[in-house]
C-alpha atoms as a PDB file:
ATOM      1  CA  UNK A   1     143.706 110.009  52.952  1.00  0.00           C
ATOM      2  CA  UNK A   2     143.584 112.267  49.923  1.00  0.00           C
ATOM      3  CA  UNK A   3     143.873 116.040  50.095  1.00  0.00           C
ATOM      4  CA  UNK A   4     140.352 116.242  48.661  1.00  0.00           C
ATOM      5  CA  UNK A   5     139.090 113.957  51.414  1.00  0.00           C
ATOM      6  CA  UNK A   6     140.679 116.062  54.130  1.00  0.00           C
ATOM      7  CA  UNK A   7     139.174 119.218  52.679  1.00  0.00           C
ATOM      8  CA  UNK A   8     142.121 121.235  54.008  1.00  0.00           C
ATOM      9  CA  UNK A   9     144.422 121.626  51.029  1.00  0.00           C
ATOM     10  CA  UNK A  10     145.982 124.960  50.281  1.00  0.00           C
ATOM     11  CA  UNK A  11     143.680 125.292  47.272  1.00  0.00           C
ATOM     12  CA  UNK A  12     140.521 124.787  49.297  1.00  0.00           C
ATOM     13  CA  UNK A  13     141.714 127.021  52.121  1.00  0.00           C
ATOM     14  CA  UNK A  14     142.151 130.042  49.833  1.00  0.00           C
ATOM     15  CA  UNK A  15     138.437 130.801  50.195  1.00  0.00           C
ATOM     16  CA  UNK A  16     138.340 130.283  53.952  1.00  0.00           C
ATOM     17  CA  UNK A  17     138.197 132.846  56.753  1.00  0.00           C
ATOM     18  CA  UNK A  18     141.800 132.785  57.939  1.00  0.00           C
ATOM     19  CA  UNK A  19     143.737 133.719  61.079  1.00  0.00           C
ATOM     20  CA  UNK A  20     146.518 136.050  59.929  1.00  0.00           C
ATOM     21  CA  UNK A  21     149.527 137.074  62.040  1.00  0.00           C
ATOM     22  CA  UNK A  22     149.521 140.857  62.498  1.00  0.00           C
ATOM     23  CA  UNK A  23     152.339 141.284  65.023  1.00  0.00           C
ATOM     24  CA  UNK A  24     154.791 139.540  67.333  1.00  0.00           C
ATOM     25  CA  UNK A  25     156.248 140.603  70.671  1.00  0.00           C
ATOM     26  CA  UNK A  26     158.422 139.213  73.462  1.00  0.00           C
ATOM     27  CA  UNK A  27     159.543 139.908  76.995  1.00  0.00           C
ATOM     28  CA  UNK A  28     162.426 138.373  78.928  1.00  0.00           C
ATOM     29  CA  UNK A  29     163.281 138.876  82.608  1.00  0.00           C
ATOM     30  CA  UNK A  30     166.185 141.220  83.307  1.00  0.00           C
ATOM     31  CA  UNK A  31     168.359 138.658  85.070  1.00  0.00           C
ATOM     32  CA  UNK A  32     170.515 136.413  82.886  1.00  0.00           C
ATOM     33  CA  UNK A  33     172.014 133.242  84.359  1.00  0.00           C
ATOM     34  CA  UNK A  34     174.862 131.742  82.363  1.00  0.00           C
ATOM     35  CA  UNK A  35     176.046 128.163  82.628  1.00  0.00           C
ATOM     36  CA  UNK A  36     179.057 129.461  84.568  1.00  0.00           C
ATOM     37  CA  UNK A  37     176.688 131.093  87.048  1.00  0.00           C
ATOM     38  CA  UNK A  38     174.905 127.787  87.618  1.00  0.00           C
ATOM     39  CA  UNK A  39     178.232 125.992  88.039  1.00  0.00           C
ATOM     40  CA  UNK A  40     178.776 128.079  91.176  1.00  0.00           C
ATOM     41  CA  UNK A  41     175.711 126.619  92.915  1.00  0.00           C
ATOM     42  CA  UNK A  42     175.426 123.061  91.526  1.00  0.00           C
ATOM     43  CA  UNK A  43     177.760 120.350  90.258  1.00  0.00           C
ATOM     44  CA  UNK A  44     177.796 121.177  86.545  1.00  0.00           C
ATOM     45  CA  UNK A  45     179.862 122.953  83.904  1.00  0.00           C
ATOM     46  CA  UNK A  46     179.398 124.980  80.755  1.00  0.00           C
ATOM     47  CA  UNK A  47     180.802 122.115  78.655  1.00  0.00           C
ATOM     48  CA  UNK A  48     178.457 119.553  80.237  1.00  0.00           C
ATOM     49  CA  UNK A  49     175.373 121.668  79.567  1.00  0.00           C
ATOM     50  CA  UNK A  50     176.316 122.817  76.064  1.00  0.00           C
ATOM     51  CA  UNK A  51     177.264 119.352  74.843  1.00  0.00           C
ATOM     52  CA  UNK A  52     173.987 117.807  75.995  1.00  0.00           C
ATOM     53  CA  UNK A  53     171.552 120.619  75.279  1.00  0.00           C
ATOM     54  CA  UNK A  54     173.091 123.527  73.366  1.00  0.00           C
ATOM     55  CA  UNK A  55     172.019 125.910  76.155  1.00  0.00           C
ATOM     56  CA  UNK A  56     174.472 128.640  77.169  1.00  0.00           C
ATOM     57  CA  UNK A  57     172.271 130.939  79.251  1.00  0.00           C
ATOM     58  CA  UNK A  58     168.692 131.531  80.376  1.00  0.00           C
ATOM     59  CA  UNK A  59     166.658 134.384  81.891  1.00  0.00           C
ATOM     60  CA  UNK A  60     165.361 134.077  85.469  1.00  0.00           C
ATOM     61  CA  UNK A  61     162.380 136.056  86.765  1.00  0.00           C
ATOM     62  CA  UNK A  62     163.150 138.373  89.648  1.00  0.00           C
ATOM     63  CA  UNK A  63     160.995 140.018  92.328  1.00  0.00           C
ATOM     64  CA  UNK A  64     157.965 141.624  90.756  1.00  0.00           C
ATOM     65  CA  UNK A  65     158.313 139.618  87.530  1.00  0.00           C
ATOM     66  CA  UNK A  66     155.499 137.096  87.215  1.00  0.00           C
ATOM     67  CA  UNK A  67     154.001 135.098  84.392  1.00  0.00           C
ATOM     68  CA  UNK A  68     151.284 137.700  83.901  1.00  0.00           C
ATOM     69  CA  UNK A  69     153.627 140.715  83.966  1.00  0.00           C
ATOM     70  CA  UNK A  70     155.905 139.115  81.374  1.00  0.00           C
ATOM     71  CA  UNK A  71     152.879 138.107  79.290  1.00  0.00           C
ATOM     72  CA  UNK A  72     151.442 141.624  79.452  1.00  0.00           C
ATOM     73  CA  UNK A  73     154.668 143.244  78.228  1.00  0.00           C
ATOM     74  CA  UNK A  74     154.955 140.727  75.380  1.00  0.00           C
ATOM     75  CA  UNK A  75     151.327 141.431  74.461  1.00  0.00           C
ATOM     76  CA  UNK A  76     151.893 145.195  74.449  1.00  0.00           C
ATOM     77  CA  UNK A  77     154.853 144.779  72.110  1.00  0.00           C
ATOM     78  CA  UNK A  78     152.884 142.489  69.802  1.00  0.00           C
ATOM     79  CA  UNK A  79     150.053 145.031  69.666  1.00  0.00           C
ATOM     80  CA  UNK A  80     152.519 147.809  68.846  1.00  0.00           C
ATOM     81  CA  UNK A  81     154.049 145.714  66.073  1.00  0.00           C
ATOM     82  CA  UNK A  82     150.562 145.071  64.711  1.00  0.00           C
ATOM     83  CA  UNK A  83     149.639 148.745  64.796  1.00  0.00           C
ATOM     84  CA  UNK A  84     146.673 147.937  67.039  1.00  0.00           C
ATOM     85  CA  UNK A  85     145.495 148.842  70.521  1.00  0.00           C
ATOM     86  CA  UNK A  86     144.156 146.702  73.330  1.00  0.00           C
ATOM     87  CA  UNK A  87     140.633 147.855  72.434  1.00  0.00           C
ATOM     88  CA  UNK A  88     140.941 145.924  69.151  1.00  0.00           C
ATOM     89  CA  UNK A  89     141.277 142.553  70.942  1.00  0.00           C
ATOM     90  CA  UNK A  90     138.292 140.354  71.791  1.00  0.00           C
ATOM     91  CA  UNK A  91     140.102 137.074  72.588  1.00  0.00           C
ATOM     92  CA  UNK A  92     143.107 136.364  74.804  1.00  0.00           C
ATOM     93  CA  UNK A  93     144.577 132.897  75.213  1.00  0.00           C
ATOM     94  CA  UNK A  94     147.587 132.408  77.467  1.00  0.00           C
ATOM     95  CA  UNK A  95     149.480 129.138  77.290  1.00  0.00           C
ATOM     96  CA  UNK A  96     151.198 128.512  80.612  1.00  0.00           C
ATOM     97  CA  UNK A  97     151.987 125.840  83.188  1.00  0.00           C
ATOM     98  CA  UNK A  98     153.138 128.403  85.736  1.00  0.00           C
ATOM     99  CA  UNK A  99     150.127 130.692  86.320  1.00  0.00           C
ATOM    100  CA  UNK A 100     150.176 133.544  88.808  1.00  0.00           C
ATOM    101  CA  UNK A 101     147.372 131.836  90.735  1.00  0.00           C
ATOM    102  CA  UNK A 102     145.564 128.509  90.760  1.00  0.00           C
ATOM    103  CA  UNK A 103     142.709 130.752  89.629  1.00  0.00           C
ATOM    104  CA  UNK A 104     141.771 133.123  88.112  1.00  0.00           C
ATOM    105  CA  UNK A 105     143.367 132.444  84.746  1.00  0.00           C
ATOM    106  CA  UNK A 106     146.537 134.341  83.930  1.00  0.00           C
ATOM    107  CA  UNK A 107     144.834 135.495  80.721  1.00  0.00           C
ATOM    108  CA  UNK A 108     142.319 137.451  82.792  1.00  0.00           C
ATOM    109  CA  UNK A 109     145.181 139.194  84.599  1.00  0.00           C
ATOM    110  CA  UNK A 110     146.637 140.184  81.226  1.00  0.00           C
ATOM    111  CA  UNK A 111     143.188 141.317  80.092  1.00  0.00           C
ATOM    112  CA  UNK A 112     142.823 143.551  83.152  1.00  0.00           C
ATOM    113  CA  UNK A 113     146.361 144.930  82.847  1.00  0.00           C
ATOM    114  CA  UNK A 114     145.681 145.895  79.235  1.00  0.00           C
ATOM    115  CA  UNK A 115     142.375 147.536  80.168  1.00  0.00           C
ATOM    116  CA  UNK A 116     140.269 145.170  78.054  1.00  0.00           C
ATOM    117  CA  UNK A 117     136.711 144.681  79.302  1.00  0.00           C
ATOM    118  CA  UNK A 118     135.117 142.820  76.400  1.00  0.00           C
ATOM    119  CA  UNK A 119     135.549 139.437  74.811  1.00  0.00           C
ATOM    120  CA  UNK A 120     136.959 136.373  76.530  1.00  0.00           C
ATOM    121  CA  UNK A 121     140.257 135.456  78.196  1.00  0.00           C
ATOM    122  CA  UNK A 122     141.353 132.004  79.314  1.00  0.00           C
ATOM    123  CA  UNK A 123     144.424 129.808  79.794  1.00  0.00           C
ATOM    124  CA  UNK A 124     145.543 126.677  77.961  1.00  0.00           C
ATOM    125  CA  UNK A 125     147.675 124.145  79.832  1.00  0.00           C
ATOM    126  CA  UNK A 126     149.609 121.791  77.568  1.00  0.00           C
ATOM    127  CA  UNK A 127     153.077 122.448  79.020  1.00  0.00           C
ATOM    128  CA  UNK A 128     155.693 122.985  76.276  1.00  0.00           C
ATOM    129  CA  UNK A 129     153.101 122.370  73.550  1.00  0.00           C
ATOM    130  CA  UNK A 130     150.882 125.078  74.992  1.00  0.00           C
ATOM    131  CA  UNK A 131     151.568 127.768  72.410  1.00  0.00           C
ATOM    132  CA  UNK A 132     150.797 125.430  69.499  1.00  0.00           C
ATOM    133  CA  UNK A 133     147.595 124.368  71.254  1.00  0.00           C
ATOM    134  CA  UNK A 134     146.712 128.025  71.856  1.00  0.00           C
ATOM    135  CA  UNK A 135     147.313 128.987  68.214  1.00  0.00           C
ATOM    136  CA  UNK A 136     145.118 126.115  67.030  1.00  0.00           C
ATOM    137  CA  UNK A 137     142.401 127.074  69.533  1.00  0.00           C
ATOM    138  CA  UNK A 138     142.447 130.758  68.609  1.00  0.00           C
ATOM    139  CA  UNK A 139     142.315 129.821  64.940  1.00  0.00           C
ATOM    140  CA  UNK A 140     139.091 127.877  65.546  1.00  0.00           C
ATOM    141  CA  UNK A 141     137.506 130.889  67.280  1.00  0.00           C
ATOM    142  CA  UNK A 142     138.544 133.318  64.551  1.00  0.00           C
ATOM    143  CA  UNK A 143     137.693 131.021  61.649  1.00  0.00           C
ATOM    144  CA  UNK A 144     134.216 130.437  63.092  1.00  0.00           C
ATOM    145  CA  UNK A 145     133.431 134.140  62.959  1.00  0.00           C
ATOM    146  CA  UNK A 146     132.778 134.432  66.695  1.00  0.00           C
ATOM    147  CA  UNK A 147     135.821 136.647  67.309  1.00  0.00           C
ATOM    148  CA  UNK A 148     137.899 139.056  65.258  1.00  0.00           C
ATOM    149  CA  UNK A 149     141.322 139.554  66.840  1.00  0.00           C
ATOM    150  CA  UNK A 150     143.243 137.444  69.343  1.00  0.00           C
ATOM    151  CA  UNK A 151     146.282 137.799  71.525  1.00  0.00           C
ATOM    152  CA  UNK A 152     147.929 134.378  71.713  1.00  0.00           C
ATOM    153  CA  UNK A 153     150.583 134.312  74.410  1.00  0.00           C
ATOM    154  CA  UNK A 154     153.050 131.767  75.750  1.00  0.00           C
ATOM    155  CA  UNK A 155     154.400 132.784  79.150  1.00  0.00           C
ATOM    156  CA  UNK A 156     156.282 130.912  81.863  1.00  0.00           C
ATOM    157  CA  UNK A 157     158.235 131.324  85.092  1.00  0.00           C
ATOM    158  CA  UNK A 158     159.560 127.773  85.261  1.00  0.00           C
ATOM    159  CA  UNK A 159     162.389 128.847  87.562  1.00  0.00           C
ATOM    160  CA  UNK A 160     159.800 128.798  90.362  1.00  0.00           C
ATOM    161  CA  UNK A 161     158.976 125.103  89.992  1.00  0.00           C
ATOM    162  CA  UNK A 162     162.538 123.819  89.554  1.00  0.00           C
ATOM    163  CA  UNK A 163     164.477 121.739  92.032  1.00  0.00           C
ATOM    164  CA  UNK A 164     167.688 123.759  92.141  1.00  0.00           C
ATOM    165  CA  UNK A 165     169.553 120.764  93.582  1.00  0.00           C
ATOM    166  CA  UNK A 166     168.728 118.581  90.560  1.00  0.00           C
ATOM    167  CA  UNK A 167     171.369 119.405  87.965  1.00  0.00           C
ATOM    168  CA  UNK A 168     169.654 117.286  85.304  1.00  0.00           C
ATOM    169  CA  UNK A 169     166.630 119.597  85.183  1.00  0.00           C
ATOM    170  CA  UNK A 170     167.435 122.999  86.680  1.00  0.00           C
ATOM    171  CA  UNK A 171     169.992 123.806  83.967  1.00  0.00           C
ATOM    172  CA  UNK A 172     167.455 123.275  81.193  1.00  0.00           C
ATOM    173  CA  UNK A 173     164.730 125.830  81.841  1.00  0.00           C
ATOM    174  CA  UNK A 174     164.283 129.581  81.756  1.00  0.00           C
ATOM    175  CA  UNK A 175     161.576 132.232  82.025  1.00  0.00           C
ATOM    176  CA  UNK A 176     160.000 134.525  79.466  1.00  0.00           C
ATOM    177  CA  UNK A 177     156.964 135.365  77.358  1.00  0.00           C
ATOM    178  CA  UNK A 178     156.108 135.747  73.694  1.00  0.00           C
ATOM    179  CA  UNK A 179     152.918 136.852  71.978  1.00  0.00           C
ATOM    180  CA  UNK A 180     151.343 137.103  68.561  1.00  0.00           C
ATOM    181  CA  UNK A 181     148.287 138.980  67.354  1.00  0.00           C
ATOM    182  CA  UNK A 182     146.011 136.965  65.077  1.00  0.00           C
ATOM    183  CA  UNK A 183     143.325 138.667  62.989  1.00  0.00           C
ATOM    184  CA  UNK A 184     140.459 137.012  61.136  1.00  0.00           C
ATOM    185  CA  UNK A 185     140.340 137.911  57.447  1.00  0.00           C
ATOM    186  CA  UNK A 186     138.067 136.802  54.654  1.00  0.00           C
ATOM    187  CA  UNK A 187     140.420 138.045  51.926  1.00  0.00           C
ATOM    188  CA  UNK A 188     143.770 136.918  53.284  1.00  0.00           C
ATOM    189  CA  UNK A 189     144.799 135.161  50.066  1.00  0.00           C
ATOM    190  CA  UNK A 190     147.243 132.453  51.110  1.00  0.00           C
ATOM    191  CA  UNK A 191     148.249 134.090  54.406  1.00  0.00           C
ATOM    192  CA  UNK A 192     147.323 132.793  57.833  1.00  0.00           C
ATOM    193  CA  UNK A 193     147.145 129.561  59.805  1.00  0.00           C
ATOM    194  CA  UNK A 194     146.591 126.922  57.134  1.00  0.00           C
ATOM    195  CA  UNK A 195     146.723 123.738  59.178  1.00  0.00           C
ATOM    196  CA  UNK A 196     147.336 122.265  62.614  1.00  0.00           C
ATOM    197  CA  UNK A 197     147.408 118.888  64.353  1.00  0.00           C
ATOM    198  CA  UNK A 198     147.326 118.295  68.122  1.00  0.00           C
ATOM    199  CA  UNK A 199     147.916 115.081  70.070  1.00  0.00           C
ATOM    200  CA  UNK A 200     147.986 113.919  73.681  1.00  0.00           C
ATOM    201  CA  UNK A 201     148.779 110.647  75.441  1.00  0.00           C
ATOM    202  CA  UNK A 202     148.399 110.687  79.226  1.00  0.00           C
ATOM    203  CA  UNK A 203     150.136 107.336  79.674  1.00  0.00           C
ATOM    204  CA  UNK A 204     153.468 109.187  79.622  1.00  0.00           C
ATOM    205  CA  UNK A 205     152.813 111.403  82.665  1.00  0.00           C
ATOM    206  CA  UNK A 206     155.602 109.955  84.799  1.00  0.00           C
ATOM    207  CA  UNK A 207     158.253 110.872  82.226  1.00  0.00           C
ATOM    208  CA  UNK A 208     157.750 114.634  82.626  1.00  0.00           C
ATOM    209  CA  UNK A 209     155.575 116.129  85.359  1.00  0.00           C
ATOM    210  CA  UNK A 210     155.385 118.308  88.469  1.00  0.00           C
ATOM    211  CA  UNK A 211     155.086 116.370  91.731  1.00  0.00           C
ATOM    212  CA  UNK A 212     152.462 118.589  93.321  1.00  0.00           C
ATOM    213  CA  UNK A 213     149.067 120.188  92.884  1.00  0.00           C
ATOM    214  CA  UNK A 214     146.005 121.497  94.756  1.00  0.00           C
ATOM    215  CA  UNK A 215     144.082 118.221  94.577  1.00  0.00           C
ATOM    216  CA  UNK A 216     146.974 115.905  95.464  1.00  0.00           C
ATOM    217  CA  UNK A 217     149.698 117.364  97.663  1.00  0.00           C
ATOM    218  CA  UNK A 218     148.194 120.829  98.202  1.00  0.00           C
ATOM    219  CA  UNK A 219     151.592 122.218  97.191  1.00  0.00           C
ATOM    220  CA  UNK A 220     153.008 123.694  93.991  1.00  0.00           C
ATOM    221  CA  UNK A 221     155.553 120.888  93.621  1.00  0.00           C
ATOM    222  CA  UNK A 222     158.760 120.620  91.590  1.00  0.00           C
ATOM    223  CA  UNK A 223     159.452 119.561  88.026  1.00  0.00           C
ATOM    224  CA  UNK A 224     160.565 115.958  87.516  1.00  0.00           C
ATOM    225  CA  UNK A 225     161.801 114.520  84.241  1.00  0.00           C
ATOM    226  CA  UNK A 226     163.247 111.340  82.800  1.00  0.00           C
ATOM    227  CA  UNK A 227     165.400 112.974  80.161  1.00  0.00           C
ATOM    228  CA  UNK A 228     166.293 109.862  78.206  1.00  0.00           C
ATOM    229  CA  UNK A 229     162.668 108.776  77.950  1.00  0.00           C
ATOM    230  CA  UNK A 230     161.576 112.214  76.754  1.00  0.00           C
ATOM    231  CA  UNK A 231     164.324 112.310  74.141  1.00  0.00           C
ATOM    232  CA  UNK A 232     163.440 108.801  72.958  1.00  0.00           C
ATOM    233  CA  UNK A 233     159.857 109.799  72.197  1.00  0.00           C
ATOM    234  CA  UNK A 234     160.323 113.422  71.134  1.00  0.00           C
ATOM    235  CA  UNK A 235     161.747 113.103  67.627  1.00  0.00           C
ATOM    236  CA  UNK A 236     159.242 110.503  66.448  1.00  0.00           C
ATOM    237  CA  UNK A 237     156.235 112.268  67.925  1.00  0.00           C
ATOM    238  CA  UNK A 238     156.927 115.746  66.588  1.00  0.00           C
ATOM    239  CA  UNK A 239     157.929 114.564  63.112  1.00  0.00           C
ATOM    240  CA  UNK A 240     154.823 112.381  62.872  1.00  0.00           C
ATOM    241  CA  UNK A 241     152.491 115.279  63.669  1.00  0.00           C
ATOM    242  CA  UNK A 242     154.372 117.559  61.266  1.00  0.00           C
ATOM    243  CA  UNK A 243     153.946 114.962  58.541  1.00  0.00           C
ATOM    244  CA  UNK A 244     150.215 114.944  59.273  1.00  0.00           C
ATOM    245  CA  UNK A 245     150.083 118.723  58.791  1.00  0.00           C
ATOM    246  CA  UNK A 246     151.970 118.454  55.512  1.00  0.00           C
ATOM    247  CA  UNK A 247     149.493 115.852  54.289  1.00  0.00           C
ATOM    248  CA  UNK A 248     146.507 117.919  55.445  1.00  0.00           C
ATOM    249  CA  UNK A 249     147.701 121.032  53.638  1.00  0.00           C
ATOM    250  CA  UNK A 250     149.175 119.517  50.496  1.00  0.00           C
ATOM    251  CA  UNK A 251     152.678 120.734  51.329  1.00  0.00           C
ATOM    252  CA  UNK A 252     156.035 119.111  52.028  1.00  0.00           C
ATOM    253  CA  UNK A 253     159.087 119.911  54.122  1.00  0.00           C
ATOM    254  CA  UNK A 254     160.711 121.277  50.966  1.00  0.00           C
ATOM    255  CA  UNK A 255     158.059 124.025  50.844  1.00  0.00           C
ATOM    256  CA  UNK A 256     159.046 125.438  54.231  1.00  0.00           C
ATOM    257  CA  UNK A 257     160.877 128.716  54.485  1.00  0.00           C
ATOM    258  CA  UNK A 258     161.357 128.396  58.234  1.00  0.00           C
ATOM    259  CA  UNK A 259     161.110 125.675  60.858  1.00  0.00           C
ATOM    260  CA  UNK A 260     160.503 127.194  64.320  1.00  0.00           C
ATOM    261  CA  UNK A 261     160.478 124.330  66.838  1.00  0.00           C
ATOM    262  CA  UNK A 262     160.060 124.270  70.581  1.00  0.00           C
ATOM    263  CA  UNK A 263     163.448 125.227  72.001  1.00  0.00           C
ATOM    264  CA  UNK A 264     164.063 122.383  74.436  1.00  0.00           C
ATOM    265  CA  UNK A 265     167.262 120.732  73.295  1.00  0.00           C
ATOM    266  CA  UNK A 266     169.441 121.386  70.258  1.00  0.00           C
ATOM    267  CA  UNK A 267     169.939 117.681  69.630  1.00  0.00           C
ATOM    268  CA  UNK A 268     166.173 117.075  69.456  1.00  0.00           C
ATOM    269  CA  UNK A 269     165.743 120.064  67.125  1.00  0.00           C
ATOM    270  CA  UNK A 270     168.489 118.905  64.761  1.00  0.00           C
ATOM    271  CA  UNK A 271     167.365 115.271  64.778  1.00  0.00           C
ATOM    272  CA  UNK A 272     163.765 116.247  63.998  1.00  0.00           C
ATOM    273  CA  UNK A 273     164.858 118.462  61.111  1.00  0.00           C
ATOM    274  CA  UNK A 274     167.167 115.778  59.739  1.00  0.00           C
ATOM    275  CA  UNK A 275     164.404 113.159  59.809  1.00  0.00           C
ATOM    276  CA  UNK A 276     162.210 115.390  57.629  1.00  0.00           C
ATOM    277  CA  UNK A 277     165.034 116.648  55.425  1.00  0.00           C
ATOM    278  CA  UNK A 278     164.850 120.261  56.631  1.00  0.00           C
ATOM    279  CA  UNK A 279     168.199 122.045  56.101  1.00  0.00           C
ATOM    280  CA  UNK A 280     169.877 123.513  59.176  1.00  0.00           C
ATOM    281  CA  UNK A 281     169.840 126.976  57.598  1.00  0.00           C
ATOM    282  CA  UNK A 282     166.019 126.939  57.698  1.00  0.00           C
ATOM    283  CA  UNK A 283     165.822 126.320  61.462  1.00  0.00           C
ATOM    284  CA  UNK A 284     165.266 129.161  63.914  1.00  0.00           C
ATOM    285  CA  UNK A 285     167.166 128.350  67.108  1.00  0.00           C
ATOM    286  CA  UNK A 286     167.163 130.394  70.308  1.00  0.00           C
ATOM    287  CA  UNK A 287     167.792 127.578  72.777  1.00  0.00           C
ATOM    288  CA  UNK A 288     171.345 128.774  73.444  1.00  0.00           C
ATOM    289  CA  UNK A 289     170.099 132.153  74.664  1.00  0.00           C
ATOM    290  CA  UNK A 290     166.810 131.281  76.352  1.00  0.00           C
ATOM    291  CA  UNK A 291     166.982 127.640  77.410  1.00  0.00           C
ATOM    292  CA  UNK A 292     163.689 125.789  77.519  1.00  0.00           C
ATOM    293  CA  UNK A 293     160.993 128.366  78.266  1.00  0.00           C
ATOM    294  CA  UNK A 294     158.196 125.834  77.772  1.00  0.00           C
ATOM    295  CA  UNK A 295     155.103 127.459  76.194  1.00  0.00           C
ATOM    296  CA  UNK A 296     157.025 130.708  75.668  1.00  0.00           C
ATOM    297  CA  UNK A 297     159.787 129.196  73.560  1.00  0.00           C
ATOM    298  CA  UNK A 298     158.116 129.270  70.127  1.00  0.00           C
ATOM    299  CA  UNK A 299     156.769 132.840  70.293  1.00  0.00           C
ATOM    300  CA  UNK A 300     160.121 134.016  71.679  1.00  0.00           C
ATOM    301  CA  UNK A 301     161.860 132.383  68.703  1.00  0.00           C
ATOM    302  CA  UNK A 302     159.305 133.851  66.285  1.00  0.00           C
ATOM    303  CA  UNK A 303     159.933 137.306  67.741  1.00  0.00           C
ATOM    304  CA  UNK A 304     163.688 136.970  67.270  1.00  0.00           C
ATOM    305  CA  UNK A 305     163.326 135.780  63.669  1.00  0.00           C
ATOM    306  CA  UNK A 306     160.828 138.516  62.763  1.00  0.00           C
ATOM    307  CA  UNK A 307     162.891 141.252  64.414  1.00  0.00           C
ATOM    308  CA  UNK A 308     166.111 140.238  62.650  1.00  0.00           C
ATOM    309  CA  UNK A 309     164.365 140.047  59.282  1.00  0.00           C
ATOM    310  CA  UNK A 310     164.517 136.327  58.654  1.00  0.00           C
ATOM    311  CA  UNK A 311     160.763 135.714  58.649  1.00  0.00           C
ATOM    312  CA  UNK A 312     159.148 137.767  55.892  1.00  0.00           C
ATOM    313  CA  UNK A 313     155.549 138.167  54.647  1.00  0.00           C
ATOM    314  CA  UNK A 314     154.474 135.365  52.357  1.00  0.00           C
ATOM    315  CA  UNK A 315     156.869 132.809  53.817  1.00  0.00           C
ATOM    316  CA  UNK A 316     155.774 129.397  55.062  1.00  0.00           C
ATOM    317  CA  UNK A 317     156.550 128.740  58.744  1.00  0.00           C
ATOM    318  CA  UNK A 318     156.127 125.479  60.663  1.00  0.00           C
ATOM    319  CA  UNK A 319     155.901 125.542  64.457  1.00  0.00           C
ATOM    320  CA  UNK A 320     155.947 122.385  66.579  1.00  0.00           C
ATOM    321  CA  UNK A 321     156.364 121.293  70.178  1.00  0.00           C
ATOM    322  CA  UNK A 322     156.165 118.399  72.597  1.00  0.00           C
ATOM    323  CA  UNK A 323     155.433 118.728  76.298  1.00  0.00           C
ATOM    324  CA  UNK A 324     154.643 116.846  79.477  1.00  0.00           C
ATOM    325  CA  UNK A 325     151.650 114.614  79.487  1.00  0.00           C
ATOM    326  CA  UNK A 326     152.682 113.865  76.737  1.00  0.00           C
ATOM    327  CA  UNK A 327     151.226 116.539  74.502  1.00  0.00           C
ATOM    328  CA  UNK A 328     152.504 117.422  71.059  1.00  0.00           C
ATOM    329  CA  UNK A 329     151.407 119.375  68.051  1.00  0.00           C
ATOM    330  CA  UNK A 330     152.320 121.367  64.957  1.00  0.00           C
ATOM    331  CA  UNK A 331     150.865 124.254  62.978  1.00  0.00           C
ATOM    332  CA  UNK A 332     151.655 125.647  59.552  1.00  0.00           C
ATOM    333  CA  UNK A 333     151.416 129.406  59.043  1.00  0.00           C
ATOM    334  CA  UNK A 334     151.755 131.486  55.896  1.00  0.00           C
ATOM    335  CA  UNK A 335     153.239 134.713  57.243  1.00  0.00           C
END
């Protein structure tokens, strides 16, 4: 399909109402659990974990730290970075698979904590792909003209759905939250979300899922994963959807300034980058410090890269993720 046929080339999007990133924020639980700490309670080792995943530590939520409290702190920091207040926000989307409650939505708890009484707040559940799905969803709201400014948050407390006797899964995940503020602008120039692609295929449920739920077991359940099967599909799926975004926007991997992938496994990250020809020095990696924080992993990585000065205004940033279901997606953002 030609760029003209898609109608989403960079040239055509210059005149479009765009969703521009105003600020980024993050929040991590106080407790840090290193691989050595985990080796004291399960049959594992630092070498075993690092060689297979690249993870060296993760943060674990403690008493009083919930998905909504972490999300709220990340949102406050994103607002401060944007130079805005909660009163400026009329849309909140929280991507999470570990909500405070079955209902109401975690986003409404963040809304209340921030003192926001207008607009709309809701959750998106696409597991590790949740933040990409939330960015794409917020972009549709803002581009339509229905809303002006959005808090897009990825927040998780995966430690509370792990089987701590299963060394193949419990060493992989951590807790945390990250947030961005998106603002609709008519005169953004080239800045903003310039393209996104989302995919789902429910036939893969058994490869990565939680074995509980209100309608089935009436329990929360624990995370279950077939690691080899997930790895086998991950690289092909995420690179395919990234290629779609490149085609939609008239860009290539060579145009990227930064590749900010879901931080699940260093081997998957490196293999995906290699398949598309993205140099290692253009990849933002936080997996060693955070582990897999599911929907929080991309905004946490964005926060790190913005705070340390790597991501600068005008640069082209690709985010991508794959999660249980399977779900997968990518979005291209001009910072």
